Amino acid sequence: MKCAACGTELPAGASMCPQCGRPVEAVKLRCMSCGAELPEGALLCPQCGRVVETADVVRQQAASRQLTKKEFYELPGMKACRNNIKSCAVILYVCAAITTLAALFWDEIPLLSVVDGVSLLLLGLWLQLGKSRVAAILITVYGGYNMFVSSLSTGTLRGWWIPLAGVWAITYTFKFYKLWNKYRKSGALPRDAISE
């Protein structure tokens, strides 16, 4: 949850913002059917019995600008971004493992290839855990450079998985941040972030 005044991330259970001192206003959730106030954690409306859906809770929290980046990332409409960013990271993990194992068993200069494998692993972790646009761009540049150098030395196109994963990661990290920034500026959830 974020402070409505200054936007600082609030610790769980905080009664006031540690940055600006403003009292934390809890979001009063209402039933989407009858408008009755819902107790915290309710699964059904006590008035009309309607099921309280996660999407309704998220919409109401979002309207009060209280979603964190992590909560926004977990919205149903962000599933494509989550899955594609994770898939790109998995491709990097596999490439890192193959590169490192090949270096240890077949390479004449294993140290450079091991460094290459570790670099891919770290970039994959940065991408998956940080949802970083910078990591996505670095993956593309790093993979493109490695593809170019290995293609020149061997005469065949090699190492194209990494720049492909980088371009794929750029697409989805930029999409995520575009929607996140739209939400932060307007306070309204973009349609793409809600619907699957």
N, C-alpha and C. Protein backbone atom coordinates (compact mmCIF):
# COMPACT_ATOMS: atom_id res chain seq x y z
N MET A 1 0.85 -1.16 0.00
CA MET A 1 0.00 0.00 0.00
C MET A 1 0.89 1.23 0.00
N LYS A 2 0.40 2.32 -0.62
CA LYS A 2 1.17 3.55 -0.69
C LYS A 2 0.45 4.68 0.04
N CYS A 3 1.23 5.65 0.51
CA CYS A 3 0.67 6.84 1.14
C CYS A 3 -0.05 7.66 0.07
N ALA A 4 -1.26 8.11 0.37
CA ALA A 4 -2.04 8.90 -0.59
C ALA A 4 -1.43 10.29 -0.79
N ALA A 5 -0.67 10.78 0.18
CA ALA A 5 -0.11 12.13 0.07
C ALA A 5 1.23 12.16 -0.68
N CYS A 6 2.17 11.30 -0.25
CA CYS A 6 3.52 11.40 -0.82
C CYS A 6 3.91 10.21 -1.69
N GLY A 7 3.11 9.13 -1.67
CA GLY A 7 3.40 7.98 -2.51
C GLY A 7 4.41 7.00 -1.94
N THR A 8 4.84 7.21 -0.70
CA THR A 8 5.81 6.31 -0.06
C THR A 8 5.18 4.95 0.20
N GLU A 9 5.95 3.89 -0.03
CA GLU A 9 5.50 2.53 0.26
C GLU A 9 5.31 2.41 1.77
N LEU A 10 4.12 1.98 2.19
CA LEU A 10 3.82 1.87 3.61
C LEU A 10 4.07 0.45 4.11
N PRO A 11 4.69 0.31 5.28
CA PRO A 11 4.86 -1.03 5.85
C PRO A 11 3.49 -1.61 6.23
N ALA A 12 3.39 -2.93 6.24
CA ALA A 12 2.12 -3.58 6.59
C ALA A 12 1.69 -3.17 8.00
N GLY A 13 0.43 -2.82 8.13
CA GLY A 13 -0.13 -2.44 9.43
C GLY A 13 0.21 -1.04 9.91
N ALA A 14 0.83 -0.22 9.05
CA ALA A 14 1.21 1.14 9.46
C ALA A 14 -0.04 1.98 9.67
N SER A 15 -0.02 2.82 10.72
CA SER A 15 -1.15 3.71 10.96
C SER A 15 -0.87 5.11 10.43
N MET A 16 0.41 5.40 10.16
CA MET A 16 0.76 6.68 9.54
C MET A 16 1.98 6.50 8.65
N CYS A 17 2.13 7.42 7.70
CA CYS A 17 3.23 7.36 6.75
C CYS A 17 4.55 7.69 7.45
N PRO A 18 5.58 6.86 7.30
CA PRO A 18 6.87 7.14 7.94
C PRO A 18 7.60 8.33 7.30
N GLN A 19 7.20 8.70 6.09
CA GLN A 19 7.86 9.80 5.38
C GLN A 19 7.24 11.16 5.71
N CYS A 20 5.90 11.27 5.56
CA CYS A 20 5.26 12.58 5.73
C CYS A 20 4.38 12.68 6.97
N GLY A 21 4.13 11.55 7.65
CA GLY A 21 3.35 11.58 8.88
C GLY A 21 1.85 11.56 8.70
N ARG A 22 1.36 11.52 7.47
CA ARG A 22 -0.08 11.53 7.23
C ARG A 22 -0.70 10.21 7.72
N PRO A 23 -1.85 10.28 8.41
CA PRO A 23 -2.51 9.05 8.83
C PRO A 23 -2.92 8.21 7.62
N VAL A 24 -2.79 6.91 7.76
CA VAL A 24 -3.14 6.00 6.69
C VAL A 24 -4.65 5.82 6.67
N GLU A 25 -5.21 6.07 5.52
CA GLU A 25 -6.66 5.89 5.35
C GLU A 25 -6.89 4.53 4.70
N ALA A 26 -7.54 3.66 5.44
CA ALA A 26 -7.82 2.34 4.90
C ALA A 26 -8.87 2.45 3.80
N VAL A 27 -8.73 1.63 2.79
CA VAL A 27 -9.70 1.60 1.71
C VAL A 27 -10.94 0.89 2.23
N LYS A 28 -12.06 1.56 2.16
CA LYS A 28 -13.32 0.94 2.57
C LYS A 28 -13.91 0.28 1.33
N LEU A 29 -13.86 -1.02 1.34
CA LEU A 29 -14.36 -1.77 0.20
C LEU A 29 -15.87 -1.86 0.26
N ARG A 30 -16.48 -1.77 -0.91
CA ARG A 30 -17.93 -1.82 -1.01
C ARG A 30 -18.33 -2.94 -1.97
N CYS A 31 -19.49 -3.50 -1.73
CA CYS A 31 -20.04 -4.52 -2.61
C CYS A 31 -20.37 -3.88 -3.94
N MET A 32 -19.99 -4.53 -5.03
CA MET A 32 -20.24 -3.99 -6.36
C MET A 32 -21.71 -4.13 -6.74
N SER A 33 -22.45 -4.94 -6.01
CA SER A 33 -23.86 -5.16 -6.32
C SER A 33 -24.77 -4.22 -5.53
N CYS A 34 -24.65 -4.24 -4.20
CA CYS A 34 -25.58 -3.44 -3.37
C CYS A 34 -24.95 -2.21 -2.75
N GLY A 35 -23.61 -2.09 -2.79
CA GLY A 35 -22.94 -0.91 -2.25
C GLY A 35 -22.66 -0.97 -0.76
N ALA A 36 -22.99 -2.07 -0.11
CA ALA A 36 -22.76 -2.20 1.33
C ALA A 36 -21.26 -2.25 1.61
N GLU A 37 -20.86 -1.69 2.77
CA GLU A 37 -19.46 -1.73 3.16
C GLU A 37 -19.09 -3.17 3.53
N LEU A 38 -17.93 -3.61 3.06
CA LEU A 38 -17.49 -4.98 3.29
C LEU A 38 -16.46 -5.03 4.41
N PRO A 39 -16.60 -6.00 5.32
CA PRO A 39 -15.55 -6.16 6.33
C PRO A 39 -14.26 -6.64 5.67
N GLU A 40 -13.13 -6.35 6.29
CA GLU A 40 -11.84 -6.73 5.72
C GLU A 40 -11.75 -8.25 5.57
N GLY A 41 -11.33 -8.69 4.39
CA GLY A 41 -11.16 -10.10 4.11
C GLY A 41 -12.44 -10.85 3.80
N ALA A 42 -13.55 -10.14 3.63
CA ALA A 42 -14.83 -10.80 3.36
C ALA A 42 -14.81 -11.51 2.00
N LEU A 43 -15.39 -12.68 1.96
CA LEU A 43 -15.51 -13.43 0.72
C LEU A 43 -16.89 -13.24 0.10
N LEU A 44 -17.87 -12.91 0.96
CA LEU A 44 -19.24 -12.66 0.52
C LEU A 44 -19.74 -11.36 1.12
N CYS A 45 -20.63 -10.69 0.40
CA CYS A 45 -21.24 -9.47 0.93
C CYS A 45 -22.23 -9.88 2.03
N PRO A 46 -22.14 -9.25 3.21
CA PRO A 46 -23.06 -9.61 4.29
C PRO A 46 -24.50 -9.19 4.00
N GLN A 47 -24.72 -8.24 3.09
CA GLN A 47 -26.06 -7.75 2.77
C GLN A 47 -26.75 -8.61 1.72
N CYS A 48 -26.09 -8.75 0.56
CA CYS A 48 -26.76 -9.41 -0.57
C CYS A 48 -26.19 -10.80 -0.88
N GLY A 49 -25.06 -11.18 -0.28
CA GLY A 49 -24.50 -12.51 -0.50
C GLY A 49 -23.65 -12.65 -1.76
N ARG A 50 -23.43 -11.55 -2.47
CA ARG A 50 -22.63 -11.61 -3.70
C ARG A 50 -21.18 -11.95 -3.35
N VAL A 51 -20.55 -12.76 -4.20
CA VAL A 51 -19.15 -13.13 -4.01
C VAL A 51 -18.27 -11.90 -4.25
N VAL A 52 -17.34 -11.66 -3.34
CA VAL A 52 -16.41 -10.55 -3.49
C VAL A 52 -15.27 -11.05 -4.37
N GLU A 53 -15.19 -10.52 -5.58
CA GLU A 53 -14.17 -10.97 -6.53
C GLU A 53 -12.89 -10.15 -6.37
N THR A 54 -11.78 -10.81 -6.62
CA THR A 54 -10.48 -10.16 -6.50
C THR A 54 -10.39 -8.93 -7.40
N ALA A 55 -10.94 -9.03 -8.59
CA ALA A 55 -10.89 -7.91 -9.54
C ALA A 55 -11.61 -6.68 -8.98
N ASP A 56 -12.72 -6.91 -8.26
CA ASP A 56 -13.46 -5.79 -7.66
C ASP A 56 -12.64 -5.11 -6.57
N VAL A 57 -11.97 -5.92 -5.74
CA VAL A 57 -11.13 -5.39 -4.66
C VAL A 57 -9.98 -4.58 -5.26
N VAL A 58 -9.34 -5.14 -6.28
CA VAL A 58 -8.21 -4.47 -6.92
C VAL A 58 -8.65 -3.14 -7.54
N ARG A 59 -9.79 -3.13 -8.20
CA ARG A 59 -10.29 -1.88 -8.81
C ARG A 59 -10.49 -0.80 -7.76
N GLN A 60 -11.07 -1.19 -6.61
CA GLN A 60 -11.33 -0.22 -5.56
C GLN A 60 -10.03 0.28 -4.93
N GLN A 61 -9.07 -0.62 -4.74
CA GLN A 61 -7.77 -0.20 -4.21
C GLN A 61 -7.07 0.71 -5.20
N ALA A 62 -7.16 0.36 -6.47
CA ALA A 62 -6.50 1.15 -7.51
C ALA A 62 -7.12 2.54 -7.59
N ALA A 63 -8.42 2.62 -7.41
CA ALA A 63 -9.09 3.93 -7.49
C ALA A 63 -8.59 4.86 -6.39
N SER A 64 -8.13 4.29 -5.29
CA SER A 64 -7.59 5.13 -4.21
C SER A 64 -6.08 5.27 -4.32
N ARG A 65 -5.51 4.84 -5.45
CA ARG A 65 -4.07 4.92 -5.72
C ARG A 65 -3.24 4.22 -4.65
N GLN A 66 -3.67 3.06 -4.25
CA GLN A 66 -2.95 2.38 -3.19
C GLN A 66 -2.28 1.10 -3.65
N LEU A 67 -2.22 0.82 -4.94
CA LEU A 67 -1.53 -0.37 -5.42
C LEU A 67 -0.03 -0.11 -5.48
N THR A 68 0.73 -1.05 -5.00
CA THR A 68 2.18 -0.98 -5.16
C THR A 68 2.53 -1.54 -6.53
N LYS A 69 3.78 -1.37 -6.93
CA LYS A 69 4.22 -1.91 -8.22
C LYS A 69 4.07 -3.44 -8.22
N LYS A 70 4.39 -4.07 -7.11
CA LYS A 70 4.28 -5.52 -7.02
C LYS A 70 2.82 -5.96 -7.15
N GLU A 71 1.90 -5.26 -6.47
CA GLU A 71 0.48 -5.59 -6.58
C GLU A 71 -0.03 -5.35 -8.00
N PHE A 72 0.44 -4.28 -8.62
CA PHE A 72 0.05 -3.98 -10.00
C PHE A 72 0.53 -5.09 -10.92
N TYR A 73 1.75 -5.57 -10.71
CA TYR A 73 2.34 -6.64 -11.53
C TYR A 73 1.55 -7.94 -11.41
N GLU A 74 0.88 -8.13 -10.28
CA GLU A 74 0.10 -9.36 -10.04
C GLU A 74 -1.33 -9.27 -10.56
N LEU A 75 -1.72 -8.14 -11.14
CA LEU A 75 -3.08 -8.01 -11.68
C LEU A 75 -3.33 -9.04 -12.77
N PRO A 76 -4.59 -9.47 -12.95
CA PRO A 76 -4.89 -10.49 -13.97
C PRO A 76 -4.44 -10.09 -15.37
N GLY A 77 -4.57 -8.84 -15.74
CA GLY A 77 -4.20 -8.40 -17.08
C GLY A 77 -2.70 -8.37 -17.32
N MET A 78 -1.91 -8.47 -16.25
CA MET A 78 -0.46 -8.45 -16.39
C MET A 78 0.12 -9.86 -16.54
N LYS A 79 -0.76 -10.85 -16.66
CA LYS A 79 -0.31 -12.24 -16.77
C LYS A 79 0.60 -12.44 -17.98
N ALA A 80 0.25 -11.82 -19.11
CA ALA A 80 1.08 -11.97 -20.32
C ALA A 80 2.48 -11.40 -20.07
N CYS A 81 2.55 -10.24 -19.42
CA CYS A 81 3.86 -9.65 -19.11
C CYS A 81 4.65 -10.56 -18.18
N ARG A 82 3.99 -11.04 -17.12
CA ARG A 82 4.67 -11.93 -16.16
C ARG A 82 5.21 -13.17 -16.85
N ASN A 83 4.35 -13.83 -17.62
CA ASN A 83 4.75 -15.08 -18.26
C ASN A 83 5.85 -14.87 -19.29
N ASN A 84 5.77 -13.81 -20.08
CA ASN A 84 6.78 -13.57 -21.11
C ASN A 84 8.11 -13.14 -20.52
N ILE A 85 8.10 -12.33 -19.48
CA ILE A 85 9.34 -11.94 -18.82
C ILE A 85 9.99 -13.17 -18.18
N LYS A 86 9.18 -14.00 -17.54
CA LYS A 86 9.71 -15.23 -16.94
C LYS A 86 10.27 -16.16 -18.02
N SER A 87 9.58 -16.27 -19.15
CA SER A 87 10.06 -17.13 -20.24
C SER A 87 11.40 -16.65 -20.78
N CYS A 88 11.56 -15.34 -20.92
CA CYS A 88 12.84 -14.79 -21.37
C CYS A 88 13.95 -15.13 -20.39
N ALA A 89 13.65 -15.00 -19.11
CA ALA A 89 14.64 -15.32 -18.08
C ALA A 89 15.00 -16.81 -18.13
N VAL A 90 14.03 -17.68 -18.34
CA VAL A 90 14.29 -19.11 -18.42
C VAL A 90 15.20 -19.42 -19.61
N ILE A 91 14.95 -18.76 -20.75
CA ILE A 91 15.83 -18.95 -21.91
C ILE A 91 17.26 -18.57 -21.54
N LEU A 92 17.42 -17.47 -20.81
CA LEU A 92 18.76 -17.05 -20.40
C LEU A 92 19.39 -18.06 -19.43
N TYR A 93 18.59 -18.62 -18.52
CA TYR A 93 19.12 -19.61 -17.58
C TYR A 93 19.61 -20.85 -18.34
N VAL A 94 18.83 -21.28 -19.32
CA VAL A 94 19.22 -22.45 -20.11
C VAL A 94 20.49 -22.15 -20.90
N CYS A 95 20.55 -20.98 -21.55
CA CYS A 95 21.75 -20.59 -22.30
C CYS A 95 22.96 -20.49 -21.37
N ALA A 96 22.76 -19.97 -20.16
CA ALA A 96 23.85 -19.86 -19.19
C ALA A 96 24.36 -21.25 -18.81
N ALA A 97 23.44 -22.17 -18.57
CA ALA A 97 23.84 -23.54 -18.20
C ALA A 97 24.58 -24.22 -19.34
N ILE A 98 24.07 -24.10 -20.55
CA ILE A 98 24.73 -24.73 -21.71
C ILE A 98 26.12 -24.14 -21.93
N THR A 99 26.22 -22.81 -21.86
CA THR A 99 27.50 -22.14 -22.05
C THR A 99 28.51 -22.57 -21.00
N THR A 100 28.09 -22.61 -19.75
CA THR A 100 29.00 -22.98 -18.66
C THR A 100 29.42 -24.44 -18.77
N LEU A 101 28.47 -25.33 -19.03
CA LEU A 101 28.82 -26.75 -19.16
C LEU A 101 29.72 -27.00 -20.37
N ALA A 102 29.42 -26.35 -21.47
CA ALA A 102 30.27 -26.50 -22.66
C ALA A 102 31.68 -26.00 -22.38
N ALA A 103 31.76 -24.90 -21.64
CA ALA A 103 33.08 -24.34 -21.32
C ALA A 103 33.89 -25.29 -20.45
N LEU A 104 33.22 -25.92 -19.51
CA LEU A 104 33.93 -26.80 -18.59
C LEU A 104 34.39 -28.09 -19.25
N PHE A 105 33.65 -28.57 -20.24
CA PHE A 105 33.98 -29.86 -20.84
C PHE A 105 34.68 -29.79 -22.20
N TRP A 106 34.41 -28.73 -23.00
CA TRP A 106 34.95 -28.73 -24.35
C TRP A 106 35.78 -27.51 -24.72
N ASP A 107 35.69 -26.45 -23.99
CA ASP A 107 36.35 -25.20 -24.38
C ASP A 107 37.83 -25.20 -24.00
N GLU A 108 38.64 -24.61 -24.88
CA GLU A 108 40.07 -24.50 -24.59
C GLU A 108 40.35 -23.37 -23.60
N ILE A 109 39.49 -22.35 -23.62
CA ILE A 109 39.64 -21.22 -22.69
C ILE A 109 38.35 -21.14 -21.86
N PRO A 110 38.20 -22.00 -20.86
CA PRO A 110 36.93 -22.08 -20.14
C PRO A 110 36.58 -20.84 -19.33
N LEU A 111 37.57 -20.08 -18.87
CA LEU A 111 37.27 -18.95 -18.00
C LEU A 111 36.37 -17.93 -18.69
N LEU A 112 36.64 -17.59 -19.94
CA LEU A 112 35.81 -16.61 -20.65
C LEU A 112 34.39 -17.11 -20.83
N SER A 113 34.24 -18.37 -21.14
CA SER A 113 32.90 -18.92 -21.34
C SER A 113 32.14 -19.04 -20.02
N VAL A 114 32.84 -19.35 -18.95
CA VAL A 114 32.19 -19.40 -17.63
C VAL A 114 31.71 -18.00 -17.24
N VAL A 115 32.55 -16.99 -17.49
CA VAL A 115 32.15 -15.59 -17.23
C VAL A 115 30.92 -15.25 -18.07
N ASP A 116 30.91 -15.71 -19.32
CA ASP A 116 29.76 -15.48 -20.19
C ASP A 116 28.50 -16.13 -19.61
N GLY A 117 28.62 -17.37 -19.14
CA GLY A 117 27.48 -18.07 -18.54
C GLY A 117 26.98 -17.40 -17.28
N VAL A 118 27.90 -16.97 -16.43
CA VAL A 118 27.51 -16.28 -15.19
C VAL A 118 26.84 -14.94 -15.52
N SER A 119 27.36 -14.24 -16.53
CA SER A 119 26.75 -12.98 -16.95
C SER A 119 25.31 -13.19 -17.41
N LEU A 120 25.08 -14.23 -18.18
CA LEU A 120 23.72 -14.54 -18.64
C LEU A 120 22.81 -14.87 -17.46
N LEU A 121 23.32 -15.62 -16.51
CA LEU A 121 22.55 -15.97 -15.32
C LEU A 121 22.15 -14.71 -14.55
N LEU A 122 23.11 -13.82 -14.33
CA LEU A 122 22.83 -12.59 -13.58
C LEU A 122 21.85 -11.68 -14.32
N LEU A 123 22.01 -11.58 -15.64
CA LEU A 123 21.07 -10.77 -16.43
C LEU A 123 19.66 -11.36 -16.37
N GLY A 124 19.57 -12.70 -16.40
CA GLY A 124 18.27 -13.36 -16.30
C GLY A 124 17.61 -13.10 -14.95
N LEU A 125 18.38 -13.18 -13.88
CA LEU A 125 17.84 -12.89 -12.55
C LEU A 125 17.38 -11.44 -12.43
N TRP A 126 18.19 -10.52 -12.96
CA TRP A 126 17.85 -9.10 -12.93
C TRP A 126 16.56 -8.85 -13.70
N LEU A 127 16.42 -9.51 -14.82
CA LEU A 127 15.21 -9.36 -15.63
C LEU A 127 14.00 -9.91 -14.90
N GLN A 128 14.10 -11.13 -14.39
CA GLN A 128 12.95 -11.77 -13.77
C GLN A 128 12.55 -11.11 -12.45
N LEU A 129 13.51 -10.84 -11.61
CA LEU A 129 13.19 -10.30 -10.29
C LEU A 129 12.95 -8.79 -10.31
N GLY A 130 13.66 -8.09 -11.20
CA GLY A 130 13.53 -6.64 -11.21
C GLY A 130 12.62 -6.09 -12.30
N LYS A 131 12.19 -6.95 -13.22
CA LYS A 131 11.38 -6.51 -14.36
C LYS A 131 12.03 -5.30 -15.02
N SER A 132 13.33 -5.37 -15.17
CA SER A 132 14.14 -4.22 -15.56
C SER A 132 14.22 -4.03 -17.07
N ARG A 133 13.90 -2.82 -17.51
CA ARG A 133 14.06 -2.47 -18.92
C ARG A 133 15.54 -2.40 -19.27
N VAL A 134 16.35 -1.93 -18.34
CA VAL A 134 17.79 -1.84 -18.57
C VAL A 134 18.37 -3.24 -18.78
N ALA A 135 17.94 -4.20 -17.97
CA ALA A 135 18.41 -5.58 -18.13
C ALA A 135 18.01 -6.11 -19.50
N ALA A 136 16.79 -5.82 -19.94
CA ALA A 136 16.32 -6.29 -21.25
C ALA A 136 17.17 -5.71 -22.38
N ILE A 137 17.50 -4.44 -22.27
CA ILE A 137 18.33 -3.79 -23.29
C ILE A 137 19.75 -4.37 -23.27
N LEU A 138 20.32 -4.56 -22.07
CA LEU A 138 21.66 -5.13 -21.95
C LEU A 138 21.71 -6.56 -22.51
N ILE A 139 20.66 -7.32 -22.28
CA ILE A 139 20.60 -8.68 -22.83
C ILE A 139 20.65 -8.64 -24.35
N THR A 140 19.88 -7.73 -24.94
CA THR A 140 19.84 -7.62 -26.40
C THR A 140 21.20 -7.21 -26.95
N VAL A 141 21.81 -6.20 -26.34
CA VAL A 141 23.11 -5.72 -26.82
C VAL A 141 24.19 -6.79 -26.61
N TYR A 142 24.23 -7.37 -25.42
CA TYR A 142 25.21 -8.41 -25.09
C TYR A 142 25.05 -9.62 -26.03
N GLY A 143 23.81 -10.07 -26.19
CA GLY A 143 23.55 -11.20 -27.07
C GLY A 143 23.86 -10.89 -28.52
N GLY A 144 23.52 -9.68 -28.96
CA GLY A 144 23.81 -9.28 -30.34
C GLY A 144 25.30 -9.24 -30.61
N TYR A 145 26.05 -8.70 -29.65
CA TYR A 145 27.51 -8.64 -29.80
C TYR A 145 28.09 -10.06 -29.87
N ASN A 146 27.67 -10.92 -28.93
CA ASN A 146 28.18 -12.30 -28.93
C ASN A 146 27.79 -13.04 -30.20
N MET A 147 26.58 -12.81 -30.69
CA MET A 147 26.14 -13.46 -31.93
C MET A 147 27.00 -13.00 -33.10
N PHE A 148 27.27 -11.70 -33.15
CA PHE A 148 28.07 -11.14 -34.24
C PHE A 148 29.49 -11.70 -34.22
N VAL A 149 30.12 -11.70 -33.05
CA VAL A 149 31.50 -12.18 -32.92
C VAL A 149 31.59 -13.68 -33.24
N SER A 150 30.67 -14.47 -32.69
CA SER A 150 30.75 -15.92 -32.94
C SER A 150 30.39 -16.25 -34.39
N SER A 151 29.51 -15.48 -35.01
CA SER A 151 29.18 -15.71 -36.42
C SER A 151 30.35 -15.36 -37.32
N LEU A 152 31.09 -14.30 -36.95
CA LEU A 152 32.28 -13.95 -37.73
C LEU A 152 33.37 -15.01 -37.62
N SER A 153 33.55 -15.52 -36.42
CA SER A 153 34.64 -16.49 -36.23
C SER A 153 34.31 -17.87 -36.79
N THR A 154 33.03 -18.25 -36.82
CA THR A 154 32.68 -19.59 -37.30
C THR A 154 32.12 -19.60 -38.73
N GLY A 155 31.63 -18.46 -39.18
CA GLY A 155 31.05 -18.40 -40.52
C GLY A 155 29.60 -18.84 -40.57
N THR A 156 29.02 -19.20 -39.43
CA THR A 156 27.61 -19.58 -39.37
C THR A 156 26.91 -18.74 -38.30
N LEU A 157 25.61 -18.59 -38.45
CA LEU A 157 24.83 -17.82 -37.48
C LEU A 157 24.69 -18.65 -36.20
N ARG A 158 25.23 -18.11 -35.11
CA ARG A 158 25.19 -18.81 -33.82
C ARG A 158 24.79 -17.83 -32.73
N GLY A 159 24.20 -18.37 -31.67
CA GLY A 159 23.89 -17.56 -30.50
C GLY A 159 22.74 -16.59 -30.68
N TRP A 160 21.79 -16.92 -31.52
CA TRP A 160 20.69 -16.00 -31.80
C TRP A 160 19.59 -16.05 -30.75
N TRP A 161 19.59 -17.05 -29.88
CA TRP A 161 18.57 -17.16 -28.84
C TRP A 161 18.63 -15.98 -27.86
N ILE A 162 19.81 -15.57 -27.52
CA ILE A 162 19.96 -14.53 -26.50
C ILE A 162 19.45 -13.17 -27.00
N PRO A 163 19.85 -12.68 -28.18
CA PRO A 163 19.26 -11.41 -28.63
C PRO A 163 17.76 -11.52 -28.89
N LEU A 164 17.30 -12.69 -29.31
CA LEU A 164 15.86 -12.89 -29.49
C LEU A 164 15.13 -12.75 -28.15
N ALA A 165 15.67 -13.39 -27.12
CA ALA A 165 15.08 -13.27 -25.78
C ALA A 165 15.15 -11.83 -25.30
N GLY A 166 16.22 -11.12 -25.64
CA GLY A 166 16.36 -9.71 -25.24
C GLY A 166 15.30 -8.83 -25.87
N VAL A 167 15.05 -9.01 -27.16
CA VAL A 167 14.02 -8.22 -27.84
C VAL A 167 12.65 -8.54 -27.27
N TRP A 168 12.42 -9.81 -27.01
CA TRP A 168 11.18 -10.27 -26.40
C TRP A 168 11.01 -9.63 -25.01
N ALA A 169 12.09 -9.60 -24.23
CA ALA A 169 12.05 -8.99 -22.90
C ALA A 169 11.82 -7.48 -22.98
N ILE A 170 12.43 -6.83 -23.95
CA ILE A 170 12.22 -5.38 -24.12
C ILE A 170 10.74 -5.11 -24.36
N THR A 171 10.13 -5.90 -25.23
CA THR A 171 8.71 -5.71 -25.54
C THR A 171 7.85 -5.75 -24.29
N TYR A 172 8.03 -6.75 -23.46
CA TYR A 172 7.15 -6.93 -22.30
C TYR A 172 7.53 -6.09 -21.09
N THR A 173 8.81 -5.78 -20.88
CA THR A 173 9.15 -4.89 -19.77
C THR A 173 8.66 -3.47 -20.08
N PHE A 174 8.80 -3.04 -21.33
CA PHE A 174 8.31 -1.70 -21.68
C PHE A 174 6.79 -1.64 -21.61
N LYS A 175 6.11 -2.72 -21.99
CA LYS A 175 4.64 -2.75 -21.88
C LYS A 175 4.23 -2.63 -20.42
N PHE A 176 4.89 -3.38 -19.54
CA PHE A 176 4.58 -3.32 -18.12
C PHE A 176 4.75 -1.90 -17.58
N TYR A 177 5.91 -1.28 -17.87
CA TYR A 177 6.17 0.06 -17.33
C TYR A 177 5.26 1.12 -17.95
N LYS A 178 4.86 0.92 -19.19
CA LYS A 178 3.91 1.85 -19.82
C LYS A 178 2.59 1.84 -19.06
N LEU A 179 2.08 0.65 -18.75
CA LEU A 179 0.82 0.53 -18.01
C LEU A 179 0.98 1.01 -16.57
N TRP A 180 2.10 0.68 -15.93
CA TRP A 180 2.35 1.11 -14.55
C TRP A 180 2.39 2.63 -14.46
N ASN A 181 3.10 3.27 -15.37
CA ASN A 181 3.20 4.74 -15.35
C ASN A 181 1.86 5.39 -15.66
N LYS A 182 1.08 4.76 -16.53
CA LYS A 182 -0.26 5.27 -16.84
C LYS A 182 -1.12 5.24 -15.58
N TYR A 183 -1.04 4.15 -14.82
CA TYR A 183 -1.79 4.03 -13.57
C TYR A 183 -1.31 5.07 -12.55
N ARG A 184 0.00 5.23 -12.40
CA ARG A 184 0.53 6.19 -11.43
C ARG A 184 0.12 7.61 -11.73
N LYS A 185 0.06 7.96 -13.02
CA LYS A 185 -0.30 9.34 -13.38
C LYS A 185 -1.79 9.61 -13.26
N SER A 186 -2.61 8.65 -13.69
CA SER A 186 -4.05 8.90 -13.73
C SER A 186 -4.78 8.39 -12.50
N GLY A 187 -4.24 7.38 -11.84
CA GLY A 187 -4.92 6.78 -10.70
C GLY A 187 -5.97 5.76 -11.11
N ALA A 188 -6.22 5.66 -12.41
CA ALA A 188 -7.20 4.68 -12.91
C ALA A 188 -6.46 3.51 -13.52
N LEU A 189 -6.97 2.33 -13.29
CA LEU A 189 -6.34 1.14 -13.86
C LEU A 189 -6.57 1.10 -15.36
N PRO A 190 -5.51 0.95 -16.13
CA PRO A 190 -5.70 0.78 -17.58
C PRO A 190 -6.45 -0.52 -17.84
N ARG A 191 -7.29 -0.51 -18.86
CA ARG A 191 -8.11 -1.68 -19.19
C ARG A 191 -7.23 -2.92 -19.41
N ASP A 192 -6.07 -2.73 -20.03
CA ASP A 192 -5.17 -3.86 -20.30
C ASP A 192 -4.65 -4.51 -19.01
N ALA A 193 -4.60 -3.77 -17.91
CA ALA A 193 -4.07 -4.31 -16.67
C ALA A 193 -5.10 -5.13 -15.91
N ILE A 194 -6.39 -4.96 -16.24
CA ILE A 194 -7.44 -5.66 -15.50
C ILE A 194 -7.85 -6.94 -16.21
N SER A 195 -8.11 -6.84 -17.50
CA SER A 195 -8.64 -8.00 -18.22
C SER A 195 -7.52 -8.92 -18.68
N GLU A 196 -7.82 -10.22 -18.63
CA GLU A 196 -6.82 -11.21 -19.07
C GLU A 196 -6.80 -11.32 -20.56
